[in-house]
């Protein structure tokens, strides 16, 4: 059986990536990090935010080309594709708009990557071409990989639009950026995670200052049945006016049931900015995103060797905890 090292969101933290690969026993051979017995699996979000995004992408892309790594698409790679895909219905604009208030927000989120790669450069174009070849999820038999959520109904929709080993088409990218379209909803779930829509009195402001009208669902938590248990509002968040946020009620949540992962095959994902000592998120679910781009937080991997039930002792962090 194959042995996999599932690695969390890198977000341009190339120094931590190099340190983690060294710690895991990968060495550079013919220009790419390789392991004699194992394969790395990246859960997406290689770029945006961090100080060395071009180098992080270079390292992972070389491993992917050499066959020493598998990579799934993260929401940030998909956003990068969308930001550069022209929209025929809006001449001069793109699938992920550059115009108006939303366009300014999109550009702000993407600016550090565009500056580092140099927007429109041959290197930028080569990144986008590679991003389009990455799968939206992986079923490796003993484990499953998705960036933000494993949801069979959403994966079935994506399968209508995508073909293995075929780059994502402009038609799919445009459809997946059309609010209300089936492909849009599927991408939102698989790459960004399902969310619970909140009433106006429960909207909140996140640490980056964005007012949120929804909260991410703990879809992996097989014990979560109420809104308070299933939805994620970080500690210390406030109402839009700056006052204390009261949290969510203990009323039942249909969304928690709708998206709950109930299979016995372990699923691995990133996206959620976990903190603390790495441990399985649930009996068959493992998040490997532990906020690596933040100063002082580690890049995390899970070393899978065929176990049906993930365990805390299989995590490896760099810097080591």
C-alpha atoms as a PDB file:
ATOM      1  CA  UNK A   1       0.000   0.000   0.000  1.00  0.00           C
ATOM      2  CA  UNK A   2       1.177   3.507  -0.833  1.00  0.00           C
ATOM      3  CA  UNK A   3       2.454   5.746   1.957  1.00  0.00           C
ATOM      4  CA  UNK A   4       1.422   9.414   1.850  1.00  0.00           C
ATOM      5  CA  UNK A   5       2.516  12.599   3.601  1.00  0.00           C
ATOM      6  CA  UNK A   6      -0.478  14.945   3.454  1.00  0.00           C
ATOM      7  CA  UNK A   7       0.740  18.550   3.729  1.00  0.00           C
ATOM      8  CA  UNK A   8      -1.349  21.554   4.731  1.00  0.00           C
ATOM      9  CA  UNK A   9      -1.856  24.975   3.167  1.00  0.00           C
ATOM     10  CA  UNK A  10       1.562  26.492   2.377  1.00  0.00           C
ATOM     11  CA  UNK A  11       0.426  30.015   1.379  1.00  0.00           C
ATOM     12  CA  UNK A  12       3.870  31.042   0.176  1.00  0.00           C
ATOM     13  CA  UNK A  13       5.743  29.893   3.293  1.00  0.00           C
ATOM     14  CA  UNK A  14       8.574  28.327   1.303  1.00  0.00           C
ATOM     15  CA  UNK A  15      10.989  28.299   4.239  1.00  0.00           C
ATOM     16  CA  UNK A  16       8.592  26.228   6.327  1.00  0.00           C
ATOM     17  CA  UNK A  17       7.918  23.950   3.361  1.00  0.00           C
ATOM     18  CA  UNK A  18      11.629  23.269   2.884  1.00  0.00           C
ATOM     19  CA  UNK A  19      12.037  22.631   6.603  1.00  0.00           C
ATOM     20  CA  UNK A  20       9.063  20.254   6.706  1.00  0.00           C
ATOM     21  CA  UNK A  21      10.210  18.297   3.644  1.00  0.00           C
ATOM     22  CA  UNK A  22      13.677  17.913   5.172  1.00  0.00           C
ATOM     23  CA  UNK A  23      12.129  16.769   8.458  1.00  0.00           C
ATOM     24  CA  UNK A  24      10.015  14.205   6.578  1.00  0.00           C
ATOM     25  CA  UNK A  25      13.093  12.784   4.847  1.00  0.00           C
ATOM     26  CA  UNK A  26      12.629  14.269   1.363  1.00  0.00           C
ATOM     27  CA  UNK A  27      15.819  15.204  -0.475  1.00  0.00           C
ATOM     28  CA  UNK A  28      16.451  17.096  -3.710  1.00  0.00           C
ATOM     29  CA  UNK A  29      17.286  14.710  -6.552  1.00  0.00           C
ATOM     30  CA  UNK A  30      17.441  16.004 -10.147  1.00  0.00           C
ATOM     31  CA  UNK A  31      15.846  19.283  -9.149  1.00  0.00           C
ATOM     32  CA  UNK A  32      12.896  17.999  -7.107  1.00  0.00           C
ATOM     33  CA  UNK A  33      12.289  16.887  -3.537  1.00  0.00           C
ATOM     34  CA  UNK A  34      11.750  13.119  -3.445  1.00  0.00           C
ATOM     35  CA  UNK A  35      11.368  10.355  -0.889  1.00  0.00           C
ATOM     36  CA  UNK A  36      12.454   6.770  -1.612  1.00  0.00           C
ATOM     37  CA  UNK A  37       9.251   5.281  -0.151  1.00  0.00           C
ATOM     38  CA  UNK A  38       6.615   7.987   0.204  1.00  0.00           C
ATOM     39  CA  UNK A  39       4.547  10.468  -1.834  1.00  0.00           C
ATOM     40  CA  UNK A  40       3.629  13.958  -0.682  1.00  0.00           C
ATOM     41  CA  UNK A  41       0.029  15.113  -1.109  1.00  0.00           C
ATOM     42  CA  UNK A  42      -0.682  18.854  -1.017  1.00  0.00           C
ATOM     43  CA  UNK A  43      -4.206  19.995  -0.122  1.00  0.00           C
ATOM     44  CA  UNK A  44      -3.991  23.258  -2.105  1.00  0.00           C
ATOM     45  CA  UNK A  45      -3.515  26.953  -1.311  1.00  0.00           C
ATOM     46  CA  UNK A  46       0.159  27.011  -2.201  1.00  0.00           C
ATOM     47  CA  UNK A  47       0.109  30.766  -2.840  1.00  0.00           C
ATOM     48  CA  UNK A  48      -1.397  34.102  -1.723  1.00  0.00           C
ATOM     49  CA  UNK A  49      -0.435  35.884   1.504  1.00  0.00           C
ATOM     50  CA  UNK A  50       3.093  34.556   2.239  1.00  0.00           C
ATOM     51  CA  UNK A  51       6.549  36.032   1.548  1.00  0.00           C
ATOM     52  CA  UNK A  52       7.883  33.438  -0.932  1.00  0.00           C
ATOM     53  CA  UNK A  53       4.970  32.383  -3.117  1.00  0.00           C
ATOM     54  CA  UNK A  54       6.937  31.907  -6.344  1.00  0.00           C
ATOM     55  CA  UNK A  55       9.416  29.631  -4.580  1.00  0.00           C
ATOM     56  CA  UNK A  56       6.658  27.639  -2.872  1.00  0.00           C
ATOM     57  CA  UNK A  57       4.907  27.013  -6.184  1.00  0.00           C
ATOM     58  CA  UNK A  58       8.230  26.135  -7.838  1.00  0.00           C
ATOM     59  CA  UNK A  59       9.034  23.496  -5.212  1.00  0.00           C
ATOM     60  CA  UNK A  60       5.617  21.833  -5.376  1.00  0.00           C
ATOM     61  CA  UNK A  61       5.358  22.053  -9.154  1.00  0.00           C
ATOM     62  CA  UNK A  62       8.764  20.357  -9.518  1.00  0.00           C
ATOM     63  CA  UNK A  63       7.667  17.571  -7.164  1.00  0.00           C
ATOM     64  CA  UNK A  64       4.411  17.149  -9.078  1.00  0.00           C
ATOM     65  CA  UNK A  65       6.265  16.912 -12.391  1.00  0.00           C
ATOM     66  CA  UNK A  66       8.738  14.412 -10.908  1.00  0.00           C
ATOM     67  CA  UNK A  67       5.926  12.212  -9.569  1.00  0.00           C
ATOM     68  CA  UNK A  68       6.949  12.683  -5.935  1.00  0.00           C
ATOM     69  CA  UNK A  69       3.839  14.706  -5.080  1.00  0.00           C
ATOM     70  CA  UNK A  70       0.120  14.856  -5.773  1.00  0.00           C
ATOM     71  CA  UNK A  71      -1.688  18.205  -5.560  1.00  0.00           C
ATOM     72  CA  UNK A  72      -5.348  19.207  -5.379  1.00  0.00           C
ATOM     73  CA  UNK A  73      -6.646  22.632  -6.297  1.00  0.00           C
ATOM     74  CA  UNK A  74      -7.268  25.058  -3.454  1.00  0.00           C
ATOM     75  CA  UNK A  75      -9.687  27.972  -3.504  1.00  0.00           C
ATOM     76  CA  UNK A  76      -6.767  30.405  -3.895  1.00  0.00           C
ATOM     77  CA  UNK A  77      -5.476  28.651  -7.024  1.00  0.00           C
ATOM     78  CA  UNK A  78      -9.035  28.575  -8.386  1.00  0.00           C
ATOM     79  CA  UNK A  79      -9.420  32.271  -7.600  1.00  0.00           C
ATOM     80  CA  UNK A  80      -6.151  32.966  -9.441  1.00  0.00           C
ATOM     81  CA  UNK A  81      -7.473  31.149 -12.517  1.00  0.00           C
ATOM     82  CA  UNK A  82     -10.792  32.997 -12.293  1.00  0.00           C
ATOM     83  CA  UNK A  83      -9.111  36.382 -11.826  1.00  0.00           C
ATOM     84  CA  UNK A  84      -7.290  35.902 -15.155  1.00  0.00           C
ATOM     85  CA  UNK A  85     -10.112  34.307 -17.203  1.00  0.00           C
ATOM     86  CA  UNK A  86     -11.868  36.890 -19.441  1.00  0.00           C
ATOM     87  CA  UNK A  87     -15.655  37.059 -19.154  1.00  0.00           C
ATOM     88  CA  UNK A  88     -17.252  37.341 -22.631  1.00  0.00           C
ATOM     89  CA  UNK A  89     -20.473  38.568 -21.026  1.00  0.00           C
ATOM     90  CA  UNK A  90     -18.636  41.533 -19.481  1.00  0.00           C
ATOM     91  CA  UNK A  91     -16.077  42.860 -22.000  1.00  0.00           C
ATOM     92  CA  UNK A  92     -12.963  44.082 -20.254  1.00  0.00           C
ATOM     93  CA  UNK A  93     -13.729  42.145 -17.076  1.00  0.00           C
ATOM     94  CA  UNK A  94     -12.987  38.651 -15.829  1.00  0.00           C
ATOM     95  CA  UNK A  95     -14.722  35.644 -14.289  1.00  0.00           C
ATOM     96  CA  UNK A  96     -13.592  36.911 -10.866  1.00  0.00           C
ATOM     97  CA  UNK A  97     -14.410  40.549 -11.330  1.00  0.00           C
ATOM     98  CA  UNK A  98     -11.848  43.365 -11.214  1.00  0.00           C
ATOM     99  CA  UNK A  99     -14.547  46.039 -11.129  1.00  0.00           C
ATOM    100  CA  UNK A 100     -16.407  47.877  -8.414  1.00  0.00           C
ATOM    101  CA  UNK A 101     -16.264  47.206  -4.699  1.00  0.00           C
ATOM    102  CA  UNK A 102     -16.068  43.435  -5.150  1.00  0.00           C
ATOM    103  CA  UNK A 103     -13.303  43.835  -7.706  1.00  0.00           C
ATOM    104  CA  UNK A 104     -11.275  45.989  -5.343  1.00  0.00           C
ATOM    105  CA  UNK A 105     -11.704  43.364  -2.628  1.00  0.00           C
ATOM    106  CA  UNK A 106     -10.663  40.557  -5.018  1.00  0.00           C
ATOM    107  CA  UNK A 107      -7.577  42.474  -6.105  1.00  0.00           C
ATOM    108  CA  UNK A 108      -6.623  43.279  -2.532  1.00  0.00           C
ATOM    109  CA  UNK A 109      -6.755  39.578  -1.552  1.00  0.00           C
ATOM    110  CA  UNK A 110      -4.663  38.596  -4.591  1.00  0.00           C
ATOM    111  CA  UNK A 111      -2.218  41.514  -4.673  1.00  0.00           C
ATOM    112  CA  UNK A 112       0.736  39.896  -2.885  1.00  0.00           C
ATOM    113  CA  UNK A 113       0.763  37.015  -5.377  1.00  0.00           C
ATOM    114  CA  UNK A 114       0.396  39.295  -8.410  1.00  0.00           C
ATOM    115  CA  UNK A 115       3.261  41.464  -7.195  1.00  0.00           C
ATOM    116  CA  UNK A 116       5.572  38.501  -6.523  1.00  0.00           C
ATOM    117  CA  UNK A 117       4.869  36.606  -9.738  1.00  0.00           C
ATOM    118  CA  UNK A 118       4.523  39.840 -11.805  1.00  0.00           C
ATOM    119  CA  UNK A 119       1.032  39.950 -13.237  1.00  0.00           C
ATOM    120  CA  UNK A 120       0.871  38.878 -16.881  1.00  0.00           C
ATOM    121  CA  UNK A 121       4.459  37.618 -16.993  1.00  0.00           C
ATOM    122  CA  UNK A 122       5.413  34.304 -18.635  1.00  0.00           C
ATOM    123  CA  UNK A 123       5.887  32.874 -15.134  1.00  0.00           C
ATOM    124  CA  UNK A 124       2.401  33.996 -14.125  1.00  0.00           C
ATOM    125  CA  UNK A 125       0.893  32.409 -17.232  1.00  0.00           C
ATOM    126  CA  UNK A 126       2.789  29.167 -16.600  1.00  0.00           C
ATOM    127  CA  UNK A 127       1.423  29.024 -13.047  1.00  0.00           C
ATOM    128  CA  UNK A 128      -2.134  29.456 -14.303  1.00  0.00           C
ATOM    129  CA  UNK A 129      -1.680  26.749 -16.924  1.00  0.00           C
ATOM    130  CA  UNK A 130      -0.448  24.351 -14.234  1.00  0.00           C
ATOM    131  CA  UNK A 131      -3.195  25.287 -11.764  1.00  0.00           C
ATOM    132  CA  UNK A 132      -5.774  24.354 -14.422  1.00  0.00           C
ATOM    133  CA  UNK A 133      -4.364  20.813 -14.599  1.00  0.00           C
ATOM    134  CA  UNK A 134      -4.810  20.115 -10.871  1.00  0.00           C
ATOM    135  CA  UNK A 135      -7.735  17.907  -9.786  1.00  0.00           C
ATOM    136  CA  UNK A 136     -10.509  19.292  -7.605  1.00  0.00           C
ATOM    137  CA  UNK A 137     -10.294  16.260  -5.320  1.00  0.00           C
ATOM    138  CA  UNK A 138      -8.503  12.913  -5.032  1.00  0.00           C
ATOM    139  CA  UNK A 139      -9.798   9.495  -4.036  1.00  0.00           C
ATOM    140  CA  UNK A 140      -6.673   7.416  -3.416  1.00  0.00           C
ATOM    141  CA  UNK A 141      -8.491   4.320  -2.212  1.00  0.00           C
ATOM    142  CA  UNK A 142      -7.397   4.281   1.415  1.00  0.00           C
ATOM    143  CA  UNK A 143      -7.757   8.046   1.852  1.00  0.00           C
ATOM    144  CA  UNK A 144      -9.613  10.947   0.270  1.00  0.00           C
ATOM    145  CA  UNK A 145      -8.355  14.494  -0.275  1.00  0.00           C
ATOM    146  CA  UNK A 146     -10.297  17.717  -0.807  1.00  0.00           C
ATOM    147  CA  UNK A 147      -9.263  21.271  -0.075  1.00  0.00           C
ATOM    148  CA  UNK A 148     -12.257  22.265   2.061  1.00  0.00           C
ATOM    149  CA  UNK A 149     -15.023  19.632   2.037  1.00  0.00           C
ATOM    150  CA  UNK A 150     -15.765  16.109   0.830  1.00  0.00           C
ATOM    151  CA  UNK A 151     -19.407  16.164  -0.245  1.00  0.00           C
ATOM    152  CA  UNK A 152     -20.470  13.448  -2.718  1.00  0.00           C
ATOM    153  CA  UNK A 153     -23.335  15.423  -4.291  1.00  0.00           C
ATOM    154  CA  UNK A 154     -21.039  18.382  -4.990  1.00  0.00           C
ATOM    155  CA  UNK A 155     -18.282  16.118  -6.315  1.00  0.00           C
ATOM    156  CA  UNK A 156     -20.797  14.550  -8.716  1.00  0.00           C
ATOM    157  CA  UNK A 157     -21.568  18.001 -10.127  1.00  0.00           C
ATOM    158  CA  UNK A 158     -17.864  18.731 -10.614  1.00  0.00           C
ATOM    159  CA  UNK A 159     -17.472  15.398 -12.415  1.00  0.00           C
ATOM    160  CA  UNK A 160     -19.957  16.623 -15.041  1.00  0.00           C
ATOM    161  CA  UNK A 161     -17.610  19.472 -15.920  1.00  0.00           C
ATOM    162  CA  UNK A 162     -14.155  17.988 -15.476  1.00  0.00           C
ATOM    163  CA  UNK A 163     -12.171  15.109 -16.921  1.00  0.00           C
ATOM    164  CA  UNK A 164      -9.051  13.598 -15.326  1.00  0.00           C
ATOM    165  CA  UNK A 165      -5.801  14.819 -16.916  1.00  0.00           C
ATOM    166  CA  UNK A 166      -7.664  17.550 -18.836  1.00  0.00           C
ATOM    167  CA  UNK A 167      -7.169  21.235 -17.907  1.00  0.00           C
ATOM    168  CA  UNK A 168     -10.160  23.112 -16.521  1.00  0.00           C
ATOM    169  CA  UNK A 169     -12.055  24.789 -19.345  1.00  0.00           C
ATOM    170  CA  UNK A 170     -13.000  28.458 -19.552  1.00  0.00           C
ATOM    171  CA  UNK A 171     -16.638  27.344 -19.738  1.00  0.00           C
ATOM    172  CA  UNK A 172     -16.337  25.630 -16.362  1.00  0.00           C
ATOM    173  CA  UNK A 173     -14.473  28.549 -14.779  1.00  0.00           C
ATOM    174  CA  UNK A 174     -17.154  30.985 -15.947  1.00  0.00           C
ATOM    175  CA  UNK A 175     -19.996  28.726 -14.800  1.00  0.00           C
ATOM    176  CA  UNK A 176     -18.304  28.176 -11.434  1.00  0.00           C
ATOM    177  CA  UNK A 177     -18.197  31.954 -10.944  1.00  0.00           C
ATOM    178  CA  UNK A 178     -21.870  32.448 -11.812  1.00  0.00           C
ATOM    179  CA  UNK A 179     -23.777  32.780  -8.551  1.00  0.00           C
ATOM    180  CA  UNK A 180     -26.717  30.393  -8.429  1.00  0.00           C
ATOM    181  CA  UNK A 181     -25.314  27.992 -11.036  1.00  0.00           C
ATOM    182  CA  UNK A 182     -24.929  24.345 -10.051  1.00  0.00           C
ATOM    183  CA  UNK A 183     -21.169  24.440 -10.681  1.00  0.00           C
ATOM    184  CA  UNK A 184     -20.845  27.596  -8.569  1.00  0.00           C
ATOM    185  CA  UNK A 185     -22.509  25.915  -5.583  1.00  0.00           C
ATOM    186  CA  UNK A 186     -20.349  22.778  -5.965  1.00  0.00           C
ATOM    187  CA  UNK A 187     -17.088  24.743  -6.082  1.00  0.00           C
ATOM    188  CA  UNK A 188     -18.171  26.808  -3.082  1.00  0.00           C
ATOM    189  CA  UNK A 189     -18.670  23.612  -1.059  1.00  0.00           C
ATOM    190  CA  UNK A 190     -15.611  21.617  -2.172  1.00  0.00           C
ATOM    191  CA  UNK A 191     -13.047  24.450  -2.339  1.00  0.00           C
ATOM    192  CA  UNK A 192     -14.409  26.900   0.248  1.00  0.00           C
ATOM    193  CA  UNK A 193     -16.549  24.726   2.517  1.00  0.00           C
ATOM    194  CA  UNK A 194     -20.287  24.762   3.233  1.00  0.00           C
ATOM    195  CA  UNK A 195     -21.594  27.663   5.281  1.00  0.00           C
ATOM    196  CA  UNK A 196     -24.544  28.442   7.506  1.00  0.00           C
ATOM    197  CA  UNK A 197     -26.384  31.614   6.468  1.00  0.00           C
ATOM    198  CA  UNK A 198     -26.957  33.866   9.467  1.00  0.00           C
ATOM    199  CA  UNK A 199     -29.720  36.347  10.290  1.00  0.00           C
ATOM    200  CA  UNK A 200     -28.702  40.005  10.286  1.00  0.00           C
ATOM    201  CA  UNK A 201     -28.484  40.209  14.068  1.00  0.00           C
ATOM    202  CA  UNK A 202     -25.830  37.444  14.087  1.00  0.00           C
ATOM    203  CA  UNK A 203     -23.492  38.794  11.393  1.00  0.00           C
ATOM    204  CA  UNK A 204     -19.895  39.159  12.560  1.00  0.00           C
ATOM    205  CA  UNK A 205     -16.589  40.818  11.694  1.00  0.00           C
ATOM    206  CA  UNK A 206     -13.594  38.552  11.088  1.00  0.00           C
ATOM    207  CA  UNK A 207      -9.987  39.354  12.143  1.00  0.00           C
ATOM    208  CA  UNK A 208      -9.271  40.885   8.703  1.00  0.00           C
ATOM    209  CA  UNK A 209     -12.181  43.310   9.108  1.00  0.00           C
ATOM    210  CA  UNK A 210     -14.617  41.649   6.687  1.00  0.00           C
ATOM    211  CA  UNK A 211     -18.255  41.519   7.808  1.00  0.00           C
ATOM    212  CA  UNK A 212     -19.552  37.957   7.460  1.00  0.00           C
ATOM    213  CA  UNK A 213     -23.192  36.992   6.979  1.00  0.00           C
ATOM    214  CA  UNK A 214     -22.449  33.282   7.234  1.00  0.00           C
ATOM    215  CA  UNK A 215     -20.264  30.907   9.228  1.00  0.00           C
ATOM    216  CA  UNK A 216     -18.305  27.861   8.103  1.00  0.00           C
ATOM    217  CA  UNK A 217     -19.753  24.496   8.998  1.00  0.00           C
ATOM    218  CA  UNK A 218     -17.869  21.794  10.877  1.00  0.00           C
ATOM    219  CA  UNK A 219     -19.023  19.249   8.282  1.00  0.00           C
ATOM    220  CA  UNK A 220     -16.514  16.685   9.540  1.00  0.00           C
ATOM    221  CA  UNK A 221     -17.919  16.697  13.084  1.00  0.00           C
ATOM    222  CA  UNK A 222     -20.222  13.692  13.388  1.00  0.00           C
ATOM    223  CA  UNK A 223     -21.350  14.872  16.837  1.00  0.00           C
ATOM    224  CA  UNK A 224     -22.434  18.410  15.809  1.00  0.00           C
ATOM    225  CA  UNK A 225     -26.214  18.761  15.593  1.00  0.00           C
ATOM    226  CA  UNK A 226     -26.959  22.367  16.591  1.00  0.00           C
ATOM    227  CA  UNK A 227     -25.968  25.690  15.045  1.00  0.00           C
ATOM    228  CA  UNK A 228     -23.699  26.454  17.992  1.00  0.00           C
ATOM    229  CA  UNK A 229     -21.908  23.114  17.602  1.00  0.00           C
ATOM    230  CA  UNK A 230     -21.739  23.050  13.812  1.00  0.00           C
ATOM    231  CA  UNK A 231     -20.829  26.630  12.865  1.00  0.00           C
ATOM    232  CA  UNK A 232     -17.405  28.219  13.289  1.00  0.00           C
ATOM    233  CA  UNK A 233     -17.168  31.790  14.560  1.00  0.00           C
ATOM    234  CA  UNK A 234     -13.643  32.394  15.881  1.00  0.00           C
ATOM    235  CA  UNK A 235     -13.186  33.472  19.466  1.00  0.00           C
ATOM    236  CA  UNK A 236     -12.897  37.187  19.966  1.00  0.00           C
ATOM    237  CA  UNK A 237     -14.910  38.118  16.887  1.00  0.00           C
ATOM    238  CA  UNK A 238     -17.348  40.982  17.181  1.00  0.00           C
ATOM    239  CA  UNK A 239     -20.534  42.321  15.690  1.00  0.00           C
ATOM    240  CA  UNK A 240     -20.087  44.790  12.791  1.00  0.00           C
ATOM    241  CA  UNK A 241     -20.431  47.677  15.287  1.00  0.00           C
ATOM    242  CA  UNK A 242     -17.554  46.308  17.380  1.00  0.00           C
ATOM    243  CA  UNK A 243     -19.672  44.983  20.223  1.00  0.00           C
ATOM    244  CA  UNK A 244     -19.340  41.485  21.663  1.00  0.00           C
ATOM    245  CA  UNK A 245     -20.768  38.684  19.485  1.00  0.00           C
ATOM    246  CA  UNK A 246     -23.138  36.459  21.480  1.00  0.00           C
ATOM    247  CA  UNK A 247     -22.462  33.293  19.485  1.00  0.00           C
ATOM    248  CA  UNK A 248     -25.018  31.070  17.804  1.00  0.00           C
ATOM    249  CA  UNK A 249     -28.084  29.438  19.379  1.00  0.00           C
ATOM    250  CA  UNK A 250     -28.400  25.772  20.350  1.00  0.00           C
ATOM    251  CA  UNK A 251     -31.176  25.236  17.799  1.00  0.00           C
ATOM    252  CA  UNK A 252     -30.979  22.202  15.440  1.00  0.00           C
ATOM    253  CA  UNK A 253     -29.032  22.663  12.199  1.00  0.00           C
ATOM    254  CA  UNK A 254     -30.273  21.004   9.010  1.00  0.00           C
ATOM    255  CA  UNK A 255     -27.025  22.010   7.292  1.00  0.00           C
ATOM    256  CA  UNK A 256     -24.979  20.026   9.806  1.00  0.00           C
ATOM    257  CA  UNK A 257     -26.891  16.895   8.803  1.00  0.00           C
ATOM    258  CA  UNK A 258     -26.843  17.675   5.078  1.00  0.00           C
ATOM    259  CA  UNK A 259     -23.061  18.020   4.813  1.00  0.00           C
ATOM    260  CA  UNK A 260     -21.912  15.615   7.549  1.00  0.00           C
ATOM    261  CA  UNK A 261     -19.162  13.181   6.556  1.00  0.00           C
ATOM    262  CA  UNK A 262     -20.259   9.704   7.563  1.00  0.00           C
ATOM    263  CA  UNK A 263     -18.012   7.379   5.539  1.00  0.00           C
ATOM    264  CA  UNK A 264     -15.336   5.140   7.037  1.00  0.00           C
ATOM    265  CA  UNK A 265     -12.585   6.130   4.559  1.00  0.00           C
ATOM    266  CA  UNK A 266     -10.380   8.815   6.178  1.00  0.00           C
ATOM    267  CA  UNK A 267     -10.692  12.230   4.548  1.00  0.00           C
ATOM    268  CA  UNK A 268      -7.935  14.878   4.658  1.00  0.00           C
ATOM    269  CA  UNK A 269      -8.439  18.589   4.047  1.00  0.00           C
ATOM    270  CA  UNK A 270      -6.984  22.050   4.673  1.00  0.00           C
ATOM    271  CA  UNK A 271      -8.519  25.530   4.508  1.00  0.00           C
ATOM    272  CA  UNK A 272      -9.734  26.033   8.084  1.00  0.00           C
ATOM    273  CA  UNK A 273      -6.825  27.718   9.902  1.00  0.00           C
ATOM    274  CA  UNK A 274      -6.738  25.314  12.831  1.00  0.00           C
ATOM    275  CA  UNK A 275      -4.482  26.163  15.764  1.00  0.00           C
ATOM    276  CA  UNK A 276      -3.119  24.303  18.768  1.00  0.00           C
ATOM    277  CA  UNK A 277      -1.642  20.818  18.944  1.00  0.00           C
ATOM    278  CA  UNK A 278      -2.397  18.905  15.704  1.00  0.00           C
ATOM    279  CA  UNK A 279      -4.895  16.088  16.148  1.00  0.00           C
ATOM    280  CA  UNK A 280      -7.620  14.445  14.032  1.00  0.00           C
ATOM    281  CA  UNK A 281     -10.656  16.703  13.656  1.00  0.00           C
ATOM    282  CA  UNK A 282     -12.962  13.678  14.002  1.00  0.00           C
ATOM    283  CA  UNK A 283     -12.693   9.896  13.973  1.00  0.00           C
ATOM    284  CA  UNK A 284     -12.273   9.747  10.167  1.00  0.00           C
ATOM    285  CA  UNK A 285     -11.406  13.367   9.306  1.00  0.00           C
ATOM    286  CA  UNK A 286      -8.067  15.200   9.447  1.00  0.00           C
ATOM    287  CA  UNK A 287      -7.393  18.896   8.892  1.00  0.00           C
ATOM    288  CA  UNK A 288      -3.745  19.632   8.092  1.00  0.00           C
ATOM    289  CA  UNK A 289      -4.066  23.433   7.886  1.00  0.00           C
ATOM    290  CA  UNK A 290      -2.608  24.884  11.073  1.00  0.00           C
ATOM    291  CA  UNK A 291      -2.180  28.506   9.934  1.00  0.00           C
ATOM    292  CA  UNK A 292       1.359  28.110   8.588  1.00  0.00           C
ATOM    293  CA  UNK A 293       1.503  31.575   7.006  1.00  0.00           C
ATOM    294  CA  UNK A 294       1.123  33.238  10.404  1.00  0.00           C
ATOM    295  CA  UNK A 295       4.379  33.996  12.228  1.00  0.00           C
ATOM    296  CA  UNK A 296       5.113  31.372  14.849  1.00  0.00           C
ATOM    297  CA  UNK A 297       2.654  28.803  13.469  1.00  0.00           C
ATOM    298  CA  UNK A 298       3.858  25.530  11.900  1.00  0.00           C
ATOM    299  CA  UNK A 299       3.366  23.905   8.535  1.00  0.00           C
ATOM    300  CA  UNK A 300       1.855  20.505   9.305  1.00  0.00           C
ATOM    301  CA  UNK A 301       1.829  17.096   7.616  1.00  0.00           C
ATOM    302  CA  UNK A 302       0.087  13.835   8.443  1.00  0.00           C
ATOM    303  CA  UNK A 303       2.085  10.658   7.696  1.00  0.00           C
ATOM    304  CA  UNK A 304      -0.437   8.069   6.515  1.00  0.00           C
ATOM    305  CA  UNK A 305       0.660   4.431   6.368  1.00  0.00           C
ATOM    306  CA  UNK A 306      -2.616   2.666   5.757  1.00  0.00           C
ATOM    307  CA  UNK A 307      -4.360   3.111   9.110  1.00  0.00           C
ATOM    308  CA  UNK A 308      -8.162   3.180   8.946  1.00  0.00           C
ATOM    309  CA  UNK A 309      -8.426   5.476  11.969  1.00  0.00           C
ATOM    310  CA  UNK A 310      -6.079   8.509  12.009  1.00  0.00           C
ATOM    311  CA  UNK A 311      -4.130   9.149  15.209  1.00  0.00           C
ATOM    312  CA  UNK A 312      -2.470  12.232  16.697  1.00  0.00           C
ATOM    313  CA  UNK A 313       1.007  10.683  16.772  1.00  0.00           C
ATOM    314  CA  UNK A 314       1.166  10.674  12.952  1.00  0.00           C
ATOM    315  CA  UNK A 315       1.409  14.474  12.658  1.00  0.00           C
ATOM    316  CA  UNK A 316       4.720  16.178  11.888  1.00  0.00           C
ATOM    317  CA  UNK A 317       5.168  19.957  12.268  1.00  0.00           C
ATOM    318  CA  UNK A 318       7.811  22.434  11.170  1.00  0.00           C
ATOM    319  CA  UNK A 319       8.970  24.234  13.126  1.00  0.00           C
ATOM    320  CA  UNK A 320       8.665  21.297  15.492  1.00  0.00           C
ATOM    321  CA  UNK A 321       6.333  21.937  18.400  1.00  0.00           C
END
